[in-house]
Amino acid sequence: MATVKDFSVEEKLVNLLRLQKIDSKLDEFQILKGELPLEVKDLEDELLGLQSRLTRVEEEINGITQYIEERKNAIKESEALVQKYEKQSTDVKNNREFEAINKEMEMQQLEIKLAEKHIRDANEELAEKVKVLEAAKKTIATKEGVLNHKKSELEKIIADTEKEEKHFGEMSNNARGAIDERLLYSYDRIRTSYRNGLAVVPVERDACGGCFNSIPPQRQSEIRLHKKIIVCENCGRILVDSDLNDSVEAK
């Protein structure tokens, strides 16, 4: 990290306060987006899962269809063999040959019945898979509709705020360059600890502007002197007096 100028405590407080106000403006853009970025990401992930499931069902349907065709071909082969054996049975010379041919015919007829049973079972399974496929397609269509709507909302917000957000993003980076590394680390640590992102807060009505815990008069006097960086004993946020807070703007 580049060397930062040795600022006075007051200057450090001003730099921190300015950064906080800039970052709070950036937070406002995120609040405008609300849960939309997360919702869009969740929907995209969910659709990926649904598409994978749809592909698996389609592969299963193709496998069942292929199996049915194989069983139909097996029936044709068995029927052809039965016809062949029927012709041969007219030319048999003894009972042994006749019984052997009959046994082969019976075996092929059993193969036909077994294949027909397999086809019936496969058709039942196929019908169930087709229902699952149609339900999956409807679910995907519904989810895609919701996703497109939320994407449209998010894109509109981004389009409306993109210029300002970029501007304040650059300001934040520049403001960070004026704060030493240890202080910046503390600022970021405190900021990420709270949902509202407030790490630097003013004393308002004798209380911390972050947690509203009462600040003793002596402590308030020390804060107004700008001789050292003082944090709230309750929430750990960096405290500044209201006059300093009012004098610094996110410009």
Protein backbone atom coordinates (compact mmCIF):
# COMPACT_ATOMS: atom_id res chain seq x y z
CA MET A 1 0.00 0.00 0.00
CA ALA A 2 1.23 3.51 -0.84
CA THR A 3 2.52 5.67 2.00
CA VAL A 4 -0.21 7.87 3.43
CA LYS A 5 0.48 11.43 4.57
CA ASP A 6 0.81 11.80 8.35
CA PHE A 7 -2.52 13.48 9.09
CA SER A 8 -3.56 15.02 12.39
CA VAL A 9 -6.26 13.23 14.39
CA GLU A 10 -8.82 15.76 13.24
CA GLU A 11 -7.85 15.23 9.61
CA LYS A 12 -8.06 11.47 10.11
CA LEU A 13 -11.54 11.85 11.55
CA VAL A 14 -12.58 14.05 8.63
CA ASN A 15 -11.20 11.51 6.13
CA LEU A 16 -12.96 8.64 7.90
CA LEU A 17 -16.21 10.59 8.11
CA ARG A 18 -16.03 11.51 4.43
CA LEU A 19 -15.39 7.88 3.50
CA GLN A 20 -18.33 6.80 5.66
CA LYS A 21 -20.68 9.25 3.98
CA ILE A 22 -19.50 8.17 0.53
CA ASP A 23 -19.90 4.49 1.42
CA SER A 24 -23.33 5.21 2.87
CA LYS A 25 -24.32 6.66 -0.51
CA LEU A 26 -23.10 3.45 -2.14
CA ASP A 27 -25.14 1.49 0.41
CA GLU A 28 -28.23 3.40 -0.71
CA PHE A 29 -27.77 2.01 -4.23
CA GLN A 30 -27.59 -1.50 -2.79
CA ILE A 31 -30.75 -0.84 -0.76
CA LEU A 32 -32.50 0.22 -3.98
CA LYS A 33 -31.54 -3.11 -5.52
CA GLY A 34 -32.74 -4.83 -2.37
CA GLU A 35 -32.71 -8.63 -2.57
CA LEU A 36 -32.93 -8.57 -6.38
CA PRO A 37 -29.28 -9.52 -7.07
CA LEU A 38 -29.54 -12.50 -4.69
CA GLU A 39 -32.96 -13.48 -6.02
CA VAL A 40 -31.69 -13.36 -9.61
CA LYS A 41 -28.64 -15.48 -8.69
CA ASP A 42 -30.80 -18.00 -6.80
CA LEU A 43 -33.23 -18.28 -9.69
CA GLU A 44 -30.39 -18.75 -12.18
CA ASP A 45 -28.91 -21.52 -10.02
CA GLU A 46 -32.34 -23.12 -9.60
CA LEU A 47 -32.92 -23.04 -13.36
CA LEU A 48 -29.55 -24.70 -13.97
CA GLY A 49 -30.63 -27.50 -11.63
CA LEU A 50 -34.03 -27.80 -13.33
CA GLN A 51 -32.43 -27.86 -16.77
CA SER A 52 -30.08 -30.64 -15.65
CA ARG A 53 -33.06 -32.59 -14.33
CA LEU A 54 -34.94 -32.00 -17.59
CA THR A 55 -31.96 -33.31 -19.57
CA ARG A 56 -31.78 -36.43 -17.37
CA VAL A 57 -35.53 -37.13 -17.85
CA GLU A 58 -35.18 -36.66 -21.62
CA GLU A 59 -32.25 -39.10 -21.64
CA GLU A 60 -34.33 -41.58 -19.61
CA ILE A 61 -37.24 -41.22 -22.06
CA ASN A 62 -34.88 -41.80 -25.00
CA GLY A 63 -33.48 -44.88 -23.22
CA ILE A 64 -36.96 -46.30 -22.57
CA THR A 65 -38.06 -45.59 -26.17
CA GLN A 66 -34.96 -47.32 -27.48
CA TYR A 67 -35.60 -50.30 -25.17
CA ILE A 68 -39.20 -50.58 -26.47
CA GLU A 69 -37.93 -50.61 -30.06
CA GLU A 70 -35.42 -53.32 -29.15
CA ARG A 71 -38.21 -55.42 -27.60
CA LYS A 72 -40.39 -54.91 -30.71
CA ASN A 73 -37.52 -56.05 -32.90
CA ALA A 74 -37.05 -59.06 -30.63
CA ILE A 75 -40.75 -59.92 -31.11
CA LYS A 76 -40.36 -59.70 -34.90
CA GLU A 77 -37.35 -62.00 -34.74
CA SER A 78 -39.21 -64.50 -32.55
CA GLU A 79 -42.28 -64.36 -34.84
CA ALA A 80 -40.05 -65.01 -37.85
CA LEU A 81 -38.53 -68.01 -36.05
CA VAL A 82 -42.01 -69.34 -35.16
CA GLN A 83 -43.02 -69.17 -38.84
CA LYS A 84 -39.79 -70.91 -39.80
CA TYR A 85 -40.38 -73.70 -37.27
CA GLU A 86 -44.01 -74.06 -38.40
CA LYS A 87 -42.81 -74.70 -41.95
CA GLN A 88 -40.18 -77.14 -40.70
CA SER A 89 -42.80 -79.00 -38.68
CA THR A 90 -44.53 -80.11 -41.90
CA ASP A 91 -41.39 -81.90 -43.04
CA VAL A 92 -40.41 -83.73 -39.83
CA LYS A 93 -39.52 -87.41 -40.15
CA ASN A 94 -40.04 -88.54 -36.57
CA ASN A 95 -41.53 -87.61 -33.20
CA ARG A 96 -38.18 -86.49 -31.79
CA GLU A 97 -37.77 -83.81 -34.49
CA PHE A 98 -41.42 -82.78 -34.05
CA GLU A 99 -41.01 -82.38 -30.26
CA ALA A 100 -37.74 -80.47 -30.69
CA ILE A 101 -39.38 -78.06 -33.15
CA ASN A 102 -42.41 -77.66 -30.87
CA LYS A 103 -40.13 -76.85 -27.95
CA GLU A 104 -38.34 -74.18 -30.01
CA MET A 105 -41.71 -72.73 -31.06
CA GLU A 106 -42.92 -72.66 -27.44
CA MET A 107 -39.70 -70.98 -26.36
CA GLN A 108 -40.06 -68.26 -29.02
CA GLN A 109 -43.72 -67.75 -28.09
CA LEU A 110 -42.65 -67.31 -24.45
CA GLU A 111 -40.02 -64.81 -25.63
CA ILE A 112 -42.77 -62.92 -27.46
CA LYS A 113 -45.00 -62.83 -24.36
CA LEU A 114 -42.08 -61.75 -22.17
CA ALA A 115 -41.13 -59.01 -24.64
CA GLU A 116 -44.76 -57.83 -24.77
CA LYS A 117 -44.83 -57.64 -20.95
CA HIS A 118 -41.58 -55.67 -20.98
CA ILE A 119 -43.09 -53.30 -23.55
CA ARG A 120 -46.22 -52.76 -21.43
CA ASP A 121 -44.11 -52.06 -18.34
CA ALA A 122 -41.83 -49.75 -20.32
CA ASN A 123 -44.83 -47.87 -21.76
CA GLU A 124 -46.20 -47.32 -18.25
CA GLU A 125 -42.81 -46.02 -17.12
CA LEU A 126 -42.59 -43.90 -20.28
CA ALA A 127 -45.99 -42.33 -19.55
CA GLU A 128 -44.82 -41.40 -16.04
CA LYS A 129 -41.57 -39.93 -17.36
CA VAL A 130 -43.49 -37.88 -19.94
CA LYS A 131 -45.64 -36.44 -17.13
CA VAL A 132 -42.50 -35.58 -15.17
CA LEU A 133 -41.02 -34.00 -18.31
CA GLU A 134 -44.10 -31.85 -18.95
CA ALA A 135 -44.22 -30.75 -15.29
CA ALA A 136 -40.51 -29.86 -15.42
CA LYS A 137 -41.03 -27.83 -18.61
CA LYS A 138 -43.90 -25.90 -17.01
CA THR A 139 -41.83 -25.24 -13.88
CA ILE A 140 -38.91 -24.01 -15.98
CA ALA A 141 -41.19 -21.75 -18.03
CA THR A 142 -42.65 -20.26 -14.83
CA LYS A 143 -39.23 -19.77 -13.24
CA GLU A 144 -37.87 -18.20 -16.44
CA GLY A 145 -40.79 -15.76 -16.43
CA VAL A 146 -40.06 -14.75 -12.84
CA LEU A 147 -36.32 -14.52 -13.58
CA ASN A 148 -36.85 -12.31 -16.63
CA HIS A 149 -39.13 -10.01 -14.61
CA LYS A 150 -36.62 -9.68 -11.76
CA LYS A 151 -33.73 -9.21 -14.20
CA SER A 152 -35.69 -6.45 -15.91
CA GLU A 153 -36.30 -4.72 -12.55
CA LEU A 154 -32.64 -5.03 -11.59
CA GLU A 155 -31.39 -3.82 -14.97
CA LYS A 156 -33.65 -0.75 -14.74
CA ILE A 157 -32.31 0.12 -11.28
CA ILE A 158 -28.73 -0.40 -12.47
CA ALA A 159 -29.35 1.76 -15.55
CA ASP A 160 -30.85 4.54 -13.40
CA THR A 161 -28.05 4.53 -10.82
CA GLU A 162 -25.02 3.26 -12.74
CA LYS A 163 -23.48 6.69 -13.37
CA GLU A 164 -23.89 7.84 -9.77
CA GLU A 165 -22.77 4.51 -8.34
CA LYS A 166 -19.63 4.57 -10.48
CA HIS A 167 -18.95 8.16 -9.41
CA PHE A 168 -19.25 7.37 -5.69
CA GLY A 169 -17.26 4.16 -6.18
CA GLU A 170 -14.35 6.19 -7.54
CA MET A 171 -14.76 8.69 -4.69
CA SER A 172 -14.62 5.85 -2.17
CA ASN A 173 -11.40 4.51 -3.68
CA ASN A 174 -9.85 7.99 -3.61
CA ALA A 175 -10.98 8.59 -0.01
CA ARG A 176 -9.45 5.29 1.05
CA GLY A 177 -6.12 6.45 -0.32
CA ALA A 178 -6.03 9.18 2.35
CA ILE A 179 -6.43 6.74 5.28
CA ASP A 180 -3.62 4.62 6.72
CA GLU A 181 -3.90 0.85 6.47
CA ARG A 182 -4.52 0.04 10.15
CA LEU A 183 -7.26 2.64 10.49
CA LEU A 184 -8.85 1.50 7.23
CA TYR A 185 -8.80 -2.11 8.44
CA SER A 186 -10.58 -1.09 11.64
CA TYR A 187 -13.11 0.95 9.68
CA ASP A 188 -13.90 -1.97 7.35
CA ARG A 189 -14.10 -4.44 10.23
CA ILE A 190 -16.58 -2.25 12.13
CA ARG A 191 -18.55 -1.45 8.99
CA THR A 192 -19.04 -5.11 8.05
CA SER A 193 -20.17 -5.90 11.61
CA TYR A 194 -23.40 -3.95 11.19
CA ARG A 195 -26.17 -4.32 8.63
CA ASN A 196 -26.47 -0.54 8.15
CA GLY A 197 -22.73 -0.30 7.38
CA LEU A 198 -22.14 2.53 9.85
CA ALA A 199 -18.62 2.56 11.28
CA VAL A 200 -18.34 6.32 11.95
CA VAL A 201 -21.30 7.96 13.68
CA PRO A 202 -22.02 11.32 15.32
CA VAL A 203 -23.02 11.87 18.91
CA GLU A 204 -26.65 12.97 18.80
CA ARG A 205 -28.75 13.94 21.84
CA ASP A 206 -25.96 12.77 24.13
CA ALA A 207 -26.02 9.29 22.60
CA CYS A 208 -24.09 7.19 20.08
CA GLY A 209 -25.60 7.64 16.62
CA GLY A 210 -25.19 3.92 15.96
CA CYS A 211 -26.42 2.04 19.03
CA PHE A 212 -28.03 5.00 20.87
CA ASN A 213 -26.11 4.17 24.03
CA SER A 214 -25.67 7.22 26.31
CA ILE A 215 -22.31 9.04 26.04
CA PRO A 216 -21.11 10.76 29.28
CA PRO A 217 -20.50 14.56 29.11
CA GLN A 218 -16.75 14.15 29.78
CA ARG A 219 -16.50 11.70 26.89
CA GLN A 220 -18.37 14.10 24.64
CA SER A 221 -15.90 16.87 25.52
CA GLU A 222 -13.00 14.61 24.50
CA ILE A 223 -14.74 13.79 21.22
CA ARG A 224 -15.16 17.51 20.43
CA LEU A 225 -11.44 18.17 21.02
CA HIS A 226 -10.42 15.87 18.12
CA LYS A 227 -7.26 14.88 20.00
CA LYS A 228 -7.76 11.14 19.67
CA ILE A 229 -9.98 8.66 17.94
CA ILE A 230 -12.71 7.57 20.36
CA VAL A 231 -15.00 4.60 19.94
CA CYS A 232 -18.35 3.82 21.53
CA GLU A 233 -17.83 1.57 24.53
CA ASN A 234 -21.04 -0.30 23.69
CA CYS A 235 -20.90 -0.91 19.93
CA GLY A 236 -17.29 -0.07 19.01
CA ARG A 237 -18.17 2.50 16.33
CA ILE A 238 -15.93 5.52 15.84
CA LEU A 239 -17.54 8.63 17.34
CA VAL A 240 -17.46 12.21 16.04
CA ASP A 241 -19.20 15.34 17.29
CA SER A 242 -22.27 16.65 15.48
CA ASP A 243 -20.52 19.86 14.31
CA LEU A 244 -17.80 17.86 12.53
CA ASN A 245 -20.42 15.53 11.12
CA ASP A 246 -22.39 18.45 9.69
CA SER A 247 -19.29 20.04 8.18
CA VAL A 248 -18.28 16.99 6.11
CA GLU A 249 -20.19 16.08 2.97
CA ALA A 250 -19.90 13.23 0.47
CA LYS A 251 -18.92 15.43 -2.46
